[in-house]
Amino acid sequence: MQENVVYVDQAEGLKRVMQNAKLYVKLLNKFKVDFKTKPAELLTAVKAEQYESAQGVAHTIKGTAANLGMAELYKQSLAVEGQIKDGTVSPESAQVLQTCFDHTVSAIDAVLKQYE
């Protein structure tokens, strides 16, 4: 993971769920399960030039990342969604999002360990 990059802002995520740590942990675990294939789906859609589908996936990642305090993933998915809208998206952009997603999942694991 890159230094000084906030992958999971736990304080922000907890604020979003009114400081309900149990709910936050549940949502983080659900994210890991429900979203694990989303970056690959995005990359596949971009490679196939299925931009409407790709935009939907990027939008879903963006919204969920914002709601759970995943700052960098939000930023990267916002950028990819904008590139799709502008017609400038590339497989490399989608791959950057995949890498960010992987770092975010590692950060989620670190947060979850605090609640074990």
C-alpha atoms as a PDB file:
ATOM      1  CA  MET A   1       0.000   0.000   0.000  1.00  0.00           C
ATOM      2  CA  GLN A   2       1.106   3.521  -0.677  1.00  0.00           C
ATOM      3  CA  GLU A   3       2.121   5.706   2.246  1.00  0.00           C
ATOM      4  CA  ASN A   4      -0.198   8.549   3.273  1.00  0.00           C
ATOM      5  CA  VAL A   5      -3.125   7.169   1.291  1.00  0.00           C
ATOM      6  CA  VAL A   6      -6.356   6.726   3.235  1.00  0.00           C
ATOM      7  CA  TYR A   7      -7.968   3.526   2.062  1.00  0.00           C
ATOM      8  CA  VAL A   8     -10.431   3.250   4.945  1.00  0.00           C
ATOM      9  CA  ASP A   9     -11.308   6.281   7.044  1.00  0.00           C
ATOM     10  CA  GLN A  10     -12.784   4.441   9.984  1.00  0.00           C
ATOM     11  CA  ALA A  11     -13.926   7.618  11.762  1.00  0.00           C
ATOM     12  CA  GLU A  12     -15.840   8.726   8.655  1.00  0.00           C
ATOM     13  CA  GLY A  13     -17.354   5.281   8.152  1.00  0.00           C
ATOM     14  CA  LEU A  14     -18.501   5.113  11.753  1.00  0.00           C
ATOM     15  CA  LYS A  15     -19.958   8.601  11.473  1.00  0.00           C
ATOM     16  CA  ARG A  16     -22.013   7.414   8.492  1.00  0.00           C
ATOM     17  CA  VAL A  17     -23.564   4.647  10.612  1.00  0.00           C
ATOM     18  CA  MET A  18     -24.100   6.841  13.682  1.00  0.00           C
ATOM     19  CA  GLN A  19     -21.136   5.289  15.561  1.00  0.00           C
ATOM     20  CA  ASN A  20     -22.684   1.802  15.383  1.00  0.00           C
ATOM     21  CA  ALA A  21     -19.493  -0.283  15.276  1.00  0.00           C
ATOM     22  CA  LYS A  22     -21.382  -3.567  14.989  1.00  0.00           C
ATOM     23  CA  LEU A  23     -23.204  -2.314  11.888  1.00  0.00           C
ATOM     24  CA  TYR A  24     -20.000  -0.896  10.421  1.00  0.00           C
ATOM     25  CA  VAL A  25     -18.214  -4.239  10.815  1.00  0.00           C
ATOM     26  CA  LYS A  26     -21.174  -5.998   9.207  1.00  0.00           C
ATOM     27  CA  LEU A  27     -21.148  -3.580   6.259  1.00  0.00           C
ATOM     28  CA  LEU A  28     -17.390  -3.913   5.751  1.00  0.00           C
ATOM     29  CA  ASN A  29     -17.670  -7.702   5.701  1.00  0.00           C
ATOM     30  CA  LYS A  30     -20.609  -7.493   3.303  1.00  0.00           C
ATOM     31  CA  PHE A  31     -18.623  -5.171   1.032  1.00  0.00           C
ATOM     32  CA  LYS A  32     -15.746  -7.662   0.862  1.00  0.00           C
ATOM     33  CA  VAL A  33     -18.120 -10.438  -0.211  1.00  0.00           C
ATOM     34  CA  ASP A  34     -20.508  -8.531  -2.474  1.00  0.00           C
ATOM     35  CA  PHE A  35     -17.923  -6.368  -4.248  1.00  0.00           C
ATOM     36  CA  LYS A  36     -14.970  -8.712  -4.685  1.00  0.00           C
ATOM     37  CA  THR A  37     -15.752  -9.250  -8.397  1.00  0.00           C
ATOM     38  CA  LYS A  38     -16.765  -5.664  -9.202  1.00  0.00           C
ATOM     39  CA  PRO A  39     -13.339  -4.403 -10.375  1.00  0.00           C
ATOM     40  CA  ALA A  40     -12.977  -7.412 -12.699  1.00  0.00           C
ATOM     41  CA  GLU A  41     -16.508  -6.791 -14.028  1.00  0.00           C
ATOM     42  CA  LEU A  42     -15.539  -3.183 -14.706  1.00  0.00           C
ATOM     43  CA  LEU A  43     -12.363  -4.166 -16.539  1.00  0.00           C
ATOM     44  CA  THR A  44     -14.229  -6.751 -18.621  1.00  0.00           C
ATOM     45  CA  ALA A  45     -16.901  -4.206 -19.552  1.00  0.00           C
ATOM     46  CA  VAL A  46     -14.291  -1.605 -20.524  1.00  0.00           C
ATOM     47  CA  LYS A  47     -12.363  -4.096 -22.661  1.00  0.00           C
ATOM     48  CA  ALA A  48     -15.631  -5.114 -24.361  1.00  0.00           C
ATOM     49  CA  GLU A  49     -16.526  -1.435 -24.871  1.00  0.00           C
ATOM     50  CA  GLN A  50     -19.719  -1.933 -22.847  1.00  0.00           C
ATOM     51  CA  TYR A  51     -19.480   1.530 -21.383  1.00  0.00           C
ATOM     52  CA  GLU A  52     -22.991   1.755 -19.950  1.00  0.00           C
ATOM     53  CA  SER A  53     -22.369  -1.379 -17.916  1.00  0.00           C
ATOM     54  CA  ALA A  54     -18.906  -0.167 -16.901  1.00  0.00           C
ATOM     55  CA  GLN A  55     -20.327   3.155 -15.766  1.00  0.00           C
ATOM     56  CA  GLY A  56     -22.931   1.380 -13.644  1.00  0.00           C
ATOM     57  CA  VAL A  57     -20.266  -0.688 -11.907  1.00  0.00           C
ATOM     58  CA  ALA A  58     -18.036   2.349 -11.310  1.00  0.00           C
ATOM     59  CA  HIS A  59     -21.007   4.285  -9.953  1.00  0.00           C
ATOM     60  CA  THR A  60     -21.931   1.473  -7.553  1.00  0.00           C
ATOM     61  CA  ILE A  61     -18.374   1.187  -6.267  1.00  0.00           C
ATOM     62  CA  LYS A  62     -18.166   4.968  -5.890  1.00  0.00           C
ATOM     63  CA  GLY A  63     -21.350   5.262  -3.847  1.00  0.00           C
ATOM     64  CA  THR A  64     -20.607   2.372  -1.546  1.00  0.00           C
ATOM     65  CA  ALA A  65     -17.021   3.514  -1.016  1.00  0.00           C
ATOM     66  CA  ALA A  66     -18.257   6.972  -0.042  1.00  0.00           C
ATOM     67  CA  ASN A  67     -20.797   5.557   2.390  1.00  0.00           C
ATOM     68  CA  LEU A  68     -18.244   3.332   4.132  1.00  0.00           C
ATOM     69  CA  GLY A  69     -15.405   5.846   4.382  1.00  0.00           C
ATOM     70  CA  MET A  70     -13.205   4.317   1.684  1.00  0.00           C
ATOM     71  CA  ALA A  71     -11.672   7.595   0.567  1.00  0.00           C
ATOM     72  CA  GLU A  72      -9.178   6.458  -2.064  1.00  0.00           C
ATOM     73  CA  LEU A  73     -11.522   3.916  -3.646  1.00  0.00           C
ATOM     74  CA  TYR A  74     -14.164   6.631  -3.877  1.00  0.00           C
ATOM     75  CA  LYS A  75     -11.654   8.956  -5.551  1.00  0.00           C
ATOM     76  CA  GLN A  76     -10.478   6.333  -8.047  1.00  0.00           C
ATOM     77  CA  SER A  77     -13.985   5.153  -8.944  1.00  0.00           C
ATOM     78  CA  LEU A  78     -15.101   8.774  -9.386  1.00  0.00           C
ATOM     79  CA  ALA A  79     -12.200   9.293 -11.799  1.00  0.00           C
ATOM     80  CA  VAL A  80     -12.995   6.124 -13.769  1.00  0.00           C
ATOM     81  CA  GLU A  81     -16.688   6.997 -13.935  1.00  0.00           C
ATOM     82  CA  GLY A  82     -15.754  10.434 -15.279  1.00  0.00           C
ATOM     83  CA  GLN A  83     -13.447   8.874 -17.862  1.00  0.00           C
ATOM     84  CA  ILE A  84     -16.240   6.577 -19.003  1.00  0.00           C
ATOM     85  CA  LYS A  85     -18.588   9.541 -19.395  1.00  0.00           C
ATOM     86  CA  ASP A  86     -15.889  11.450 -21.318  1.00  0.00           C
ATOM     87  CA  GLY A  87     -15.069   8.475 -23.532  1.00  0.00           C
ATOM     88  CA  THR A  88     -11.456   8.419 -22.347  1.00  0.00           C
ATOM     89  CA  VAL A  89     -11.459   5.310 -20.155  1.00  0.00           C
ATOM     90  CA  SER A  90      -8.861   2.628 -20.772  1.00  0.00           C
ATOM     91  CA  PRO A  91      -8.181  -0.851 -19.422  1.00  0.00           C
ATOM     92  CA  GLU A  92      -5.235   0.694 -17.566  1.00  0.00           C
ATOM     93  CA  SER A  93      -7.602   3.022 -15.684  1.00  0.00           C
ATOM     94  CA  ALA A  94      -9.754   0.081 -14.699  1.00  0.00           C
ATOM     95  CA  GLN A  95      -6.634  -1.769 -13.564  1.00  0.00           C
ATOM     96  CA  VAL A  96      -5.662   1.173 -11.333  1.00  0.00           C
ATOM     97  CA  LEU A  97      -9.092   0.861  -9.744  1.00  0.00           C
ATOM     98  CA  GLN A  98      -8.492  -2.878  -9.205  1.00  0.00           C
ATOM     99  CA  THR A  99      -5.207  -2.151  -7.437  1.00  0.00           C
ATOM    100  CA  CYS A 100      -6.880   0.464  -5.249  1.00  0.00           C
ATOM    101  CA  PHE A 101      -9.660  -2.013  -4.466  1.00  0.00           C
ATOM    102  CA  ASP A 102      -7.089  -4.617  -3.390  1.00  0.00           C
ATOM    103  CA  HIS A 103      -5.396  -2.099  -1.072  1.00  0.00           C
ATOM    104  CA  THR A 104      -8.797  -1.126   0.308  1.00  0.00           C
ATOM    105  CA  VAL A 105      -9.650  -4.734   1.127  1.00  0.00           C
ATOM    106  CA  SER A 106      -6.316  -5.059   2.957  1.00  0.00           C
ATOM    107  CA  ALA A 107      -7.165  -1.918   4.930  1.00  0.00           C
ATOM    108  CA  ILE A 108     -10.630  -3.326   5.690  1.00  0.00           C
ATOM    109  CA  ASP A 109      -8.997  -6.466   7.062  1.00  0.00           C
ATOM    110  CA  ALA A 110      -6.861  -4.312   9.370  1.00  0.00           C
ATOM    111  CA  VAL A 111      -9.955  -2.454  10.605  1.00  0.00           C
ATOM    112  CA  LEU A 112     -11.866  -5.687  11.151  1.00  0.00           C
ATOM    113  CA  LYS A 113      -9.043  -7.107  13.283  1.00  0.00           C
ATOM    114  CA  GLN A 114      -9.665  -4.279  15.742  1.00  0.00           C
ATOM    115  CA  TYR A 115     -13.151  -5.664  16.367  1.00  0.00           C
ATOM    116  CA  GLU A 116     -12.299  -9.341  16.820  1.00  0.00           C
END
